[in-house]
N, C-alpha and C. Protein backbone atom coordinates (compact mmCIF):
# COMPACT_ATOMS: atom_id res chain seq x y z
N MET A 1 -45.22 2.08 -157.98
CA MET A 1 -45.51 0.65 -157.80
C MET A 1 -45.58 0.29 -156.31
N GLU A 2 -44.63 0.77 -155.54
CA GLU A 2 -44.62 0.41 -154.12
C GLU A 2 -45.87 0.92 -153.42
N SER A 3 -46.26 2.16 -153.73
CA SER A 3 -47.45 2.72 -153.09
C SER A 3 -48.68 1.90 -153.47
N LYS A 4 -48.74 1.43 -154.71
CA LYS A 4 -49.88 0.59 -155.12
C LYS A 4 -49.94 -0.68 -154.28
N TYR A 5 -48.79 -1.32 -154.11
CA TYR A 5 -48.77 -2.55 -153.32
C TYR A 5 -49.19 -2.27 -151.88
N THR A 6 -48.72 -1.14 -151.36
CA THR A 6 -49.07 -0.81 -149.98
C THR A 6 -50.58 -0.61 -149.85
N LEU A 7 -51.17 0.10 -150.81
CA LEU A 7 -52.61 0.31 -150.76
C LEU A 7 -53.35 -1.02 -150.86
N ASN A 8 -52.88 -1.90 -151.73
CA ASN A 8 -53.52 -3.21 -151.86
C ASN A 8 -53.42 -3.99 -150.56
N ASP A 9 -52.26 -3.93 -149.94
CA ASP A 9 -52.08 -4.66 -148.68
C ASP A 9 -53.05 -4.13 -147.62
N VAL A 10 -53.19 -2.82 -147.55
CA VAL A 10 -54.10 -2.23 -146.56
C VAL A 10 -55.54 -2.65 -146.86
N ASP A 11 -55.92 -2.61 -148.13
CA ASP A 11 -57.28 -3.03 -148.50
C ASP A 11 -57.50 -4.49 -148.14
N ASN A 12 -56.52 -5.33 -148.42
CA ASN A 12 -56.67 -6.75 -148.11
C ASN A 12 -56.79 -6.97 -146.61
N SER A 13 -55.99 -6.30 -145.83
CA SER A 13 -56.04 -6.48 -144.38
C SER A 13 -57.39 -5.98 -143.85
N ASN A 14 -57.88 -4.86 -144.36
CA ASN A 14 -59.17 -4.35 -143.92
C ASN A 14 -60.28 -5.32 -144.28
N THR A 15 -60.22 -5.88 -145.49
CA THR A 15 -61.25 -6.82 -145.92
C THR A 15 -61.23 -8.07 -145.05
N SER A 16 -60.05 -8.61 -144.81
CA SER A 16 -59.96 -9.83 -144.00
C SER A 16 -60.43 -9.54 -142.57
N THR A 17 -60.12 -8.36 -142.05
CA THR A 17 -60.53 -8.02 -140.70
C THR A 17 -62.06 -7.92 -140.62
N SER A 18 -62.67 -7.26 -141.58
CA SER A 18 -64.12 -7.13 -141.56
C SER A 18 -64.77 -8.48 -141.76
N GLN A 19 -64.19 -9.33 -142.59
CA GLN A 19 -64.75 -10.66 -142.80
C GLN A 19 -64.67 -11.48 -141.52
N SER A 20 -63.53 -11.45 -140.85
CA SER A 20 -63.35 -12.25 -139.64
C SER A 20 -64.33 -11.78 -138.56
N SER A 21 -64.50 -10.47 -138.39
CA SER A 21 -65.42 -9.97 -137.38
C SER A 21 -66.85 -10.33 -137.75
N THR A 22 -67.17 -10.34 -139.04
CA THR A 22 -68.51 -10.73 -139.48
C THR A 22 -68.75 -12.20 -139.18
N GLN A 23 -67.73 -13.02 -139.32
CA GLN A 23 -67.89 -14.44 -139.04
C GLN A 23 -67.97 -14.69 -137.53
N VAL A 24 -67.31 -13.87 -136.75
CA VAL A 24 -67.29 -14.07 -135.30
C VAL A 24 -68.66 -13.75 -134.71
N LEU A 25 -69.34 -12.74 -135.22
CA LEU A 25 -70.61 -12.31 -134.64
C LEU A 25 -71.66 -13.43 -134.65
N PRO A 26 -71.92 -14.10 -135.78
CA PRO A 26 -72.90 -15.19 -135.77
C PRO A 26 -72.51 -16.29 -134.80
N VAL A 27 -71.23 -16.64 -134.75
CA VAL A 27 -70.79 -17.68 -133.83
C VAL A 27 -71.02 -17.25 -132.39
N PHE A 28 -70.74 -15.99 -132.11
CA PHE A 28 -70.93 -15.48 -130.75
C PHE A 28 -72.41 -15.52 -130.37
N SER A 29 -73.29 -15.13 -131.30
CA SER A 29 -74.72 -15.14 -131.01
C SER A 29 -75.21 -16.58 -130.82
N LEU A 30 -74.67 -17.51 -131.62
CA LEU A 30 -75.04 -18.92 -131.45
C LEU A 30 -74.60 -19.41 -130.08
N THR A 31 -73.41 -19.03 -129.67
CA THR A 31 -72.91 -19.43 -128.35
C THR A 31 -73.80 -18.85 -127.25
N SER A 32 -74.23 -17.62 -127.42
CA SER A 32 -75.10 -16.99 -126.42
C SER A 32 -76.43 -17.73 -126.36
N GLN A 33 -76.97 -18.10 -127.52
CA GLN A 33 -78.23 -18.83 -127.55
C GLN A 33 -78.08 -20.19 -126.87
N ASN A 34 -76.97 -20.89 -127.15
CA ASN A 34 -76.74 -22.19 -126.52
C ASN A 34 -76.64 -22.05 -125.01
N THR A 35 -75.95 -21.01 -124.56
CA THR A 35 -75.80 -20.79 -123.13
C THR A 35 -77.17 -20.51 -122.51
N THR A 36 -77.98 -19.71 -123.19
CA THR A 36 -79.31 -19.40 -122.67
C THR A 36 -80.17 -20.65 -122.62
N ALA A 37 -80.09 -21.47 -123.67
CA ALA A 37 -80.88 -22.70 -123.71
C ALA A 37 -80.45 -23.63 -122.59
N THR A 38 -79.14 -23.74 -122.38
CA THR A 38 -78.64 -24.61 -121.31
C THR A 38 -79.10 -24.09 -119.95
N THR A 39 -79.05 -22.79 -119.76
CA THR A 39 -79.47 -22.22 -118.49
C THR A 39 -80.97 -22.45 -118.28
N THR A 40 -81.75 -22.32 -119.35
CA THR A 40 -83.19 -22.54 -119.25
C THR A 40 -83.47 -24.00 -118.91
N THR A 41 -82.68 -24.92 -119.48
CA THR A 41 -82.89 -26.35 -119.20
C THR A 41 -82.64 -26.64 -117.72
N TYR A 42 -81.58 -26.05 -117.19
CA TYR A 42 -81.31 -26.27 -115.77
C TYR A 42 -82.37 -25.57 -114.93
C-alpha cells in the first residue's frame, strides 16, 4: 500500500510539474511578443 501511494505521489508531482511548465511557456511567449511590440512602437 505504501509503495502504491508513493508511486501515485510521484505521478501527481510529475503531472503538475509538466502542466505548470506547459502553462508557463505560452505566457512567456506572450510576454516576449508584447515586449517586441512595445520595442517596435518605440
